[in-house]
PDB file of all heavy atoms in Angstrom:
ATOM      1  N   GLY A   1     -14.422  -7.428 -12.285  1.00  0.00           N
ATOM      2  CA  GLY A   1     -14.477  -7.381 -10.913  1.00  0.00           C
ATOM      3  C   GLY A   1     -13.635  -8.373 -10.276  1.00  0.00           C
ATOM      4  O   GLY A   1     -13.374  -8.390  -8.989  1.00  0.00           O
ATOM      5  N   ALA A   2     -13.041  -9.260 -10.989  1.00  0.00           N
ATOM      6  CA  ALA A   2     -12.144 -10.370 -10.453  1.00  0.00           C
ATOM      7  C   ALA A   2     -10.664  -9.919 -10.422  1.00  0.00           C
ATOM      8  O   ALA A   2      -9.877 -10.640 -10.043  1.00  0.00           O
ATOM      9  CB  ALA A   2     -12.262 -11.648 -11.198  1.00  0.00           C
ATOM     10  N   ALA A   3     -10.448  -8.617 -10.729  1.00  0.00           N
ATOM     11  CA  ALA A   3      -9.045  -8.037 -10.828  1.00  0.00           C
ATOM     12  C   ALA A   3      -8.938  -7.074  -9.613  1.00  0.00           C
ATOM     13  O   ALA A   3     -10.000  -6.294  -9.279  1.00  0.00           O
ATOM     14  CB  ALA A   3      -8.840  -7.398 -12.084  1.00  0.00           C
ATOM     15  N   THR A   4      -7.790  -6.959  -9.006  1.00  0.00           N
ATOM     16  CA  THR A   4      -7.542  -6.101  -7.989  1.00  0.00           C
ATOM     17  C   THR A   4      -6.218  -5.338  -8.319  1.00  0.00           C
ATOM     18  O   THR A   4      -5.289  -5.962  -8.529  1.00  0.00           O
ATOM     19  CB  THR A   4      -7.316  -6.843  -6.618  1.00  0.00           C
ATOM     20  OG1 THR A   4      -8.546  -7.474  -6.249  1.00  0.00           O
ATOM     21  CG2 THR A   4      -7.032  -5.752  -5.487  1.00  0.00           C
ATOM     22  N   VAL A   5      -6.388  -4.000  -8.363  1.00  0.00           N
ATOM     23  CA  VAL A   5      -5.116  -3.228  -8.634  1.00  0.00           C
ATOM     24  C   VAL A   5      -4.561  -2.780  -7.237  1.00  0.00           C
ATOM     25  O   VAL A   5      -5.284  -2.157  -6.436  1.00  0.00           O
ATOM     26  CB  VAL A   5      -5.467  -1.979  -9.568  1.00  0.00           C
ATOM     27  CG1 VAL A   5      -4.209  -1.065  -9.717  1.00  0.00           C
ATOM     28  CG2 VAL A   5      -5.955  -2.399 -10.851  1.00  0.00           C
ATOM     29  N   ILE A   6      -3.359  -3.089  -7.085  1.00  0.00           N
ATOM     30  CA  ILE A   6      -2.721  -2.728  -5.832  1.00  0.00           C
ATOM     31  C   ILE A   6      -1.515  -1.785  -6.176  1.00  0.00           C
ATOM     32  O   ILE A   6      -0.571  -2.136  -6.891  1.00  0.00           O
ATOM     33  CB  ILE A   6      -2.143  -3.981  -5.071  1.00  0.00           C
ATOM     34  CG1 ILE A   6      -3.229  -5.023  -4.902  1.00  0.00           C
ATOM     35  CG2 ILE A   6      -1.308  -3.668  -3.908  1.00  0.00           C
ATOM     36  CD1 ILE A   6      -2.816  -6.443  -4.493  1.00  0.00           C
ATOM     37  N   ARG A   7      -1.677  -0.523  -5.576  1.00  0.00           N
ATOM     38  CA  ARG A   7      -0.589   0.480  -5.894  1.00  0.00           C
ATOM     39  C   ARG A   7       0.458   0.467  -4.881  1.00  0.00           C
ATOM     40  O   ARG A   7       0.222   0.285  -3.666  1.00  0.00           O
ATOM     41  CB  ARG A   7      -1.263   1.924  -5.851  1.00  0.00           C
ATOM     42  CG  ARG A   7      -2.225   2.056  -7.068  1.00  0.00           C
ATOM     43  CD  ARG A   7      -1.434   2.275  -8.311  1.00  0.00           C
ATOM     44  NE  ARG A   7      -2.239   2.784  -9.391  1.00  0.00           N
ATOM     45  CZ  ARG A   7      -1.743   3.328 -10.466  1.00  0.00           C
ATOM     46  NH1 ARG A   7      -0.502   3.400 -10.710  1.00  0.00           N
ATOM     47  NH2 ARG A   7      -2.569   3.791 -11.351  1.00  0.00           N
ATOM     48  N   VAL A   8       1.759   0.528  -5.359  1.00  0.00           N
ATOM     49  CA  VAL A   8       2.829   0.570  -4.466  1.00  0.00           C
ATOM     50  C   VAL A   8       3.727   1.811  -4.788  1.00  0.00           C
ATOM     51  O   VAL A   8       3.641   2.372  -6.005  1.00  0.00           O
ATOM     52  CB  VAL A   8       3.716  -0.716  -4.624  1.00  0.00           C
ATOM     53  CG1 VAL A   8       2.971  -1.948  -4.215  1.00  0.00           C
ATOM     54  CG2 VAL A   8       4.249  -0.822  -6.088  1.00  0.00           C
ATOM     55  N   PRO A   9       4.609   2.279  -3.922  1.00  0.00           N
ATOM     56  CA  PRO A   9       5.210   3.520  -4.332  1.00  0.00           C
ATOM     57  C   PRO A   9       6.089   3.523  -5.578  1.00  0.00           C
ATOM     58  O   PRO A   9       6.030   4.391  -6.342  1.00  0.00           O
ATOM     59  CB  PRO A   9       6.210   3.772  -3.055  1.00  0.00           C
ATOM     60  CG  PRO A   9       5.495   2.980  -1.921  1.00  0.00           C
ATOM     61  CD  PRO A   9       4.794   1.757  -2.644  1.00  0.00           C
ATOM     62  N   GLY A  10       6.850   2.422  -5.632  1.00  0.00           N
ATOM     63  CA  GLY A  10       7.840   2.346  -6.932  1.00  0.00           C
ATOM     64  C   GLY A  10       8.207   0.868  -7.205  1.00  0.00           C
ATOM     65  O   GLY A  10       7.686   0.004  -6.559  1.00  0.00           O
ATOM     66  N   ALA A  11       9.035   0.738  -8.126  1.00  0.00           N
ATOM     67  CA  ALA A  11       9.466  -0.615  -8.636  1.00  0.00           C
ATOM     68  C   ALA A  11      10.202  -1.339  -7.526  1.00  0.00           C
ATOM     69  O   ALA A  11      10.003  -2.566  -7.350  1.00  0.00           O
ATOM     70  CB  ALA A  11      10.445  -0.420  -9.712  1.00  0.00           C
ATOM     71  N   PHE A  12      10.849  -0.648  -6.650  1.00  0.00           N
ATOM     72  CA  PHE A  12      11.690  -1.422  -5.645  1.00  0.00           C
ATOM     73  C   PHE A  12      10.821  -2.115  -4.620  1.00  0.00           C
ATOM     74  O   PHE A  12      11.147  -3.077  -4.017  1.00  0.00           O
ATOM     75  CB  PHE A  12      12.604  -0.329  -4.935  1.00  0.00           C
ATOM     76  CG  PHE A  12      13.659  -0.986  -4.120  1.00  0.00           C
ATOM     77  CD1 PHE A  12      14.781  -1.543  -4.697  1.00  0.00           C
ATOM     78  CD2 PHE A  12      13.518  -1.141  -2.729  1.00  0.00           C
ATOM     79  CE1 PHE A  12      15.791  -2.206  -3.917  1.00  0.00           C
ATOM     80  CE2 PHE A  12      14.574  -1.638  -1.870  1.00  0.00           C
ATOM     81  CZ  PHE A  12      15.758  -2.203  -2.567  1.00  0.00           C
ATOM     82  N   GLU A  13       9.637  -1.488  -4.394  1.00  0.00           N
ATOM     83  CA  GLU A  13       8.630  -2.109  -3.477  1.00  0.00           C
ATOM     84  C   GLU A  13       7.862  -3.179  -4.072  1.00  0.00           C
ATOM     85  O   GLU A  13       7.171  -3.936  -3.293  1.00  0.00           O
ATOM     86  CB  GLU A  13       7.695  -0.964  -2.827  1.00  0.00           C
ATOM     87  CG  GLU A  13       8.463   0.044  -2.004  1.00  0.00           C
ATOM     88  CD  GLU A  13       9.280   1.019  -2.837  1.00  0.00           C
ATOM     89  OE1 GLU A  13       9.050   1.263  -4.042  1.00  0.00           O
ATOM     90  OE2 GLU A  13      10.222   1.626  -2.208  1.00  0.00           O
ATOM     91  N   MET A  14       7.739  -3.394  -5.300  1.00  0.00           N
ATOM     92  CA  MET A  14       6.988  -4.409  -5.999  1.00  0.00           C
ATOM     93  C   MET A  14       7.256  -5.826  -5.545  1.00  0.00           C
ATOM     94  O   MET A  14       6.386  -6.516  -5.333  1.00  0.00           O
ATOM     95  CB  MET A  14       7.079  -4.302  -7.501  1.00  0.00           C
ATOM     96  CG  MET A  14       6.473  -2.957  -7.983  1.00  0.00           C
ATOM     97  SD  MET A  14       6.913  -2.663  -9.830  1.00  0.00           S
ATOM     98  CE  MET A  14       5.807  -3.808 -10.491  1.00  0.00           C
ATOM     99  N   PRO A  15       8.504  -6.287  -5.374  1.00  0.00           N
ATOM    100  CA  PRO A  15       8.647  -7.689  -5.046  1.00  0.00           C
ATOM    101  C   PRO A  15       8.000  -8.076  -3.622  1.00  0.00           C
ATOM    102  O   PRO A  15       7.346  -9.084  -3.535  1.00  0.00           O
ATOM    103  CB  PRO A  15      10.166  -7.799  -5.054  1.00  0.00           C
ATOM    104  CG  PRO A  15      10.634  -6.788  -5.984  1.00  0.00           C
ATOM    105  CD  PRO A  15       9.782  -5.606  -5.814  1.00  0.00           C
ATOM    106  N   LEU A  16       8.211  -7.188  -2.694  1.00  0.00           N
ATOM    107  CA  LEU A  16       7.657  -7.504  -1.474  1.00  0.00           C
ATOM    108  C   LEU A  16       6.076  -7.582  -1.432  1.00  0.00           C
ATOM    109  O   LEU A  16       5.552  -8.565  -0.927  1.00  0.00           O
ATOM    110  CB  LEU A  16       8.024  -6.341  -0.397  1.00  0.00           C
ATOM    111  CG  LEU A  16       7.565  -6.607   1.045  1.00  0.00           C
ATOM    112  CD1 LEU A  16       7.847  -7.941   1.709  1.00  0.00           C
ATOM    113  CD2 LEU A  16       7.807  -5.402   1.939  1.00  0.00           C
ATOM    114  N   VAL A  17       5.455  -6.626  -2.067  1.00  0.00           N
ATOM    115  CA  VAL A  17       3.990  -6.720  -2.203  1.00  0.00           C
ATOM    116  C   VAL A  17       3.666  -7.932  -3.062  1.00  0.00           C
ATOM    117  O   VAL A  17       2.627  -8.629  -2.646  1.00  0.00           O
ATOM    118  CB  VAL A  17       3.465  -5.378  -2.718  1.00  0.00           C
ATOM    119  CG1 VAL A  17       2.040  -5.509  -2.930  1.00  0.00           C
ATOM    120  CG2 VAL A  17       3.832  -4.309  -1.712  1.00  0.00           C
ATOM    121  N   CYS A  18       4.277  -8.220  -4.114  1.00  0.00           N
ATOM    122  CA  CYS A  18       3.945  -9.360  -4.870  1.00  0.00           C
ATOM    123  C   CYS A  18       4.108 -10.641  -4.214  1.00  0.00           C
ATOM    124  O   CYS A  18       3.283 -11.575  -4.313  1.00  0.00           O
ATOM    125  CB  CYS A  18       4.822  -9.414  -6.155  1.00  0.00           C
ATOM    126  SG  CYS A  18       4.327  -8.218  -7.398  1.00  0.00           S
ATOM    127  N   GLN A  19       5.130 -10.703  -3.309  1.00  0.00           N
ATOM    128  CA  GLN A  19       5.358 -11.924  -2.445  1.00  0.00           C
ATOM    129  C   GLN A  19       4.151 -12.065  -1.474  1.00  0.00           C
ATOM    130  O   GLN A  19       3.570 -13.179  -1.350  1.00  0.00           O
ATOM    131  CB  GLN A  19       6.560 -11.720  -1.702  1.00  0.00           C
ATOM    132  CG  GLN A  19       6.925 -13.012  -0.748  1.00  0.00           C
ATOM    133  CD  GLN A  19       8.233 -12.727  -0.067  1.00  0.00           C
ATOM    134  OE1 GLN A  19       8.548 -11.552   0.372  1.00  0.00           O
ATOM    135  NE2 GLN A  19       8.983 -13.824   0.154  1.00  0.00           N
ATOM    136  N   ARG A  20       3.677 -10.948  -0.849  1.00  0.00           N
ATOM    137  CA  ARG A  20       2.577 -11.060   0.091  1.00  0.00           C
ATOM    138  C   ARG A  20       1.247 -11.526  -0.663  1.00  0.00           C
ATOM    139  O   ARG A  20       0.573 -12.266  -0.185  1.00  0.00           O
ATOM    140  CB  ARG A  20       2.413  -9.648   0.815  1.00  0.00           C
ATOM    141  CG  ARG A  20       1.380  -9.632   1.854  1.00  0.00           C
ATOM    142  CD  ARG A  20       1.547 -10.461   3.109  1.00  0.00           C
ATOM    143  NE  ARG A  20       2.864 -10.174   3.706  1.00  0.00           N
ATOM    144  CZ  ARG A  20       2.991  -9.205   4.630  1.00  0.00           C
ATOM    145  NH1 ARG A  20       1.917  -8.544   5.112  1.00  0.00           N
ATOM    146  NH2 ARG A  20       4.140  -9.023   5.168  1.00  0.00           N
ATOM    147  N   VAL A  21       1.129 -10.918  -1.870  1.00  0.00           N
ATOM    148  CA  VAL A  21      -0.109 -11.198  -2.576  1.00  0.00           C
ATOM    149  C   VAL A  21      -0.006 -12.715  -2.973  1.00  0.00           C
ATOM    150  O   VAL A  21      -1.043 -13.455  -2.762  1.00  0.00           O
ATOM    151  CB  VAL A  21      -0.119 -10.328  -3.961  1.00  0.00           C
ATOM    152  CG1 VAL A  21      -1.176 -10.928  -4.930  1.00  0.00           C
ATOM    153  CG2 VAL A  21      -0.471  -8.930  -3.535  1.00  0.00           C
ATOM    154  N   ALA A  22       1.082 -13.157  -3.474  1.00  0.00           N
ATOM    155  CA  ALA A  22       1.196 -14.696  -3.862  1.00  0.00           C
ATOM    156  C   ALA A  22       0.939 -15.586  -2.568  1.00  0.00           C
ATOM    157  O   ALA A  22       0.240 -16.507  -2.751  1.00  0.00           O
ATOM    158  CB  ALA A  22       2.515 -14.903  -4.409  1.00  0.00           C
ATOM    159  N   ALA A  23       1.439 -15.165  -1.463  1.00  0.00           N
ATOM    160  CA  ALA A  23       1.262 -15.986  -0.320  1.00  0.00           C
ATOM    161  C   ALA A  23      -0.079 -15.956   0.287  1.00  0.00           C
ATOM    162  O   ALA A  23      -0.546 -16.903   0.849  1.00  0.00           O
ATOM    163  CB  ALA A  23       2.270 -15.393   0.828  1.00  0.00           C
ATOM    164  N   SER A  24      -0.929 -15.036  -0.079  1.00  0.00           N
ATOM    165  CA  SER A  24      -2.250 -14.927   0.335  1.00  0.00           C
ATOM    166  C   SER A  24      -3.195 -16.056  -0.227  1.00  0.00           C
ATOM    167  O   SER A  24      -4.235 -16.309   0.214  1.00  0.00           O
ATOM    168  CB  SER A  24      -2.831 -13.477   0.048  1.00  0.00           C
ATOM    169  OG  SER A  24      -3.147 -13.454  -1.357  1.00  0.00           O
ATOM    170  N   LYS A  25      -2.698 -16.511  -1.390  1.00  0.00           N
ATOM    171  CA  LYS A  25      -3.444 -17.525  -2.120  1.00  0.00           C
ATOM    172  C   LYS A  25      -4.858 -17.127  -2.620  1.00  0.00           C
ATOM    173  O   LYS A  25      -5.824 -17.841  -2.920  1.00  0.00           O
ATOM    174  CB  LYS A  25      -3.516 -18.868  -1.362  1.00  0.00           C
ATOM    175  CG  LYS A  25      -2.335 -19.384  -0.728  1.00  0.00           C
ATOM    176  CD  LYS A  25      -1.928 -20.486  -1.559  1.00  0.00           C
ATOM    177  CE  LYS A  25      -0.619 -21.173  -0.829  1.00  0.00           C
ATOM    178  NZ  LYS A  25       0.507 -21.170  -1.596  1.00  0.00           N
ATOM    179  N   LYS A  26      -4.994 -15.695  -2.641  1.00  0.00           N
ATOM    180  CA  LYS A  26      -6.364 -15.164  -3.047  1.00  0.00           C
ATOM    181  C   LYS A  26      -6.387 -15.058  -4.628  1.00  0.00           C
ATOM    182  O   LYS A  26      -7.430 -14.735  -5.146  1.00  0.00           O
ATOM    183  CB  LYS A  26      -6.564 -13.811  -2.409  1.00  0.00           C
ATOM    184  CG  LYS A  26      -6.765 -13.848  -0.953  1.00  0.00           C
ATOM    185  CD  LYS A  26      -6.956 -12.446  -0.346  1.00  0.00           C
ATOM    186  CE  LYS A  26      -7.054 -12.511   1.074  1.00  0.00           C
ATOM    187  NZ  LYS A  26      -7.025 -11.116   1.625  1.00  0.00           N
ATOM    188  N   TYR A  27      -5.255 -15.094  -5.224  1.00  0.00           N
ATOM    189  CA  TYR A  27      -5.218 -14.769  -6.714  1.00  0.00           C
ATOM    190  C   TYR A  27      -4.552 -15.931  -7.447  1.00  0.00           C
ATOM    191  O   TYR A  27      -3.604 -16.636  -6.981  1.00  0.00           O
ATOM    192  CB  TYR A  27      -4.404 -13.454  -6.971  1.00  0.00           C
ATOM    193  CG  TYR A  27      -5.087 -12.280  -6.205  1.00  0.00           C
ATOM    194  CD1 TYR A  27      -4.589 -11.933  -4.916  1.00  0.00           C
ATOM    195  CD2 TYR A  27      -6.173 -11.642  -6.778  1.00  0.00           C
ATOM    196  CE1 TYR A  27      -5.160 -10.830  -4.263  1.00  0.00           C
ATOM    197  CE2 TYR A  27      -6.729 -10.575  -6.050  1.00  0.00           C
ATOM    198  CZ  TYR A  27      -6.232 -10.205  -4.858  1.00  0.00           C
ATOM    199  OH  TYR A  27      -6.801  -9.168  -4.200  1.00  0.00           O
ATOM    200  N   ASP A  28      -4.988 -16.134  -8.663  1.00  0.00           N
ATOM    201  CA  ASP A  28      -4.512 -17.148  -9.543  1.00  0.00           C
ATOM    202  C   ASP A  28      -3.182 -16.684 -10.205  1.00  0.00           C
ATOM    203  O   ASP A  28      -2.244 -17.480 -10.571  1.00  0.00           O
ATOM    204  CB  ASP A  28      -5.519 -17.554 -10.672  1.00  0.00           C
ATOM    205  CG  ASP A  28      -6.762 -18.006 -10.023  1.00  0.00           C
ATOM    206  OD1 ASP A  28      -6.606 -19.123  -9.378  1.00  0.00           O
ATOM    207  OD2 ASP A  28      -7.809 -17.392 -10.305  1.00  0.00           O
ATOM    208  N   GLY A  29      -3.067 -15.352 -10.367  1.00  0.00           N
ATOM    209  CA  GLY A  29      -1.836 -14.857 -11.004  1.00  0.00           C
ATOM    210  C   GLY A  29      -1.604 -13.411 -10.657  1.00  0.00           C
ATOM    211  O   GLY A  29      -2.512 -12.772 -10.202  1.00  0.00           O
ATOM    212  N   ILE A  30      -0.448 -12.802 -10.994  1.00  0.00           N
ATOM    213  CA  ILE A  30      -0.043 -11.508 -10.668  1.00  0.00           C
ATOM    214  C   ILE A  30       0.493 -10.862 -11.955  1.00  0.00           C
ATOM    215  O   ILE A  30       1.301 -11.503 -12.673  1.00  0.00           O
ATOM    216  CB  ILE A  30       0.971 -11.432  -9.616  1.00  0.00           C
ATOM    217  CG1 ILE A  30       0.437 -12.148  -8.274  1.00  0.00           C
ATOM    218  CG2 ILE A  30       1.493 -10.018  -9.271  1.00  0.00           C
ATOM    219  CD1 ILE A  30       1.561 -12.284  -7.229  1.00  0.00           C
TER     220      ILE A  30
END
């Protein structure tokens, strides 16, 4: 329950979403 799966369209979109996830400070790792 401490994991969140976030779906993105493709590989090219992954960096932007990972950046937002990291900036949220809600997760210890990605």
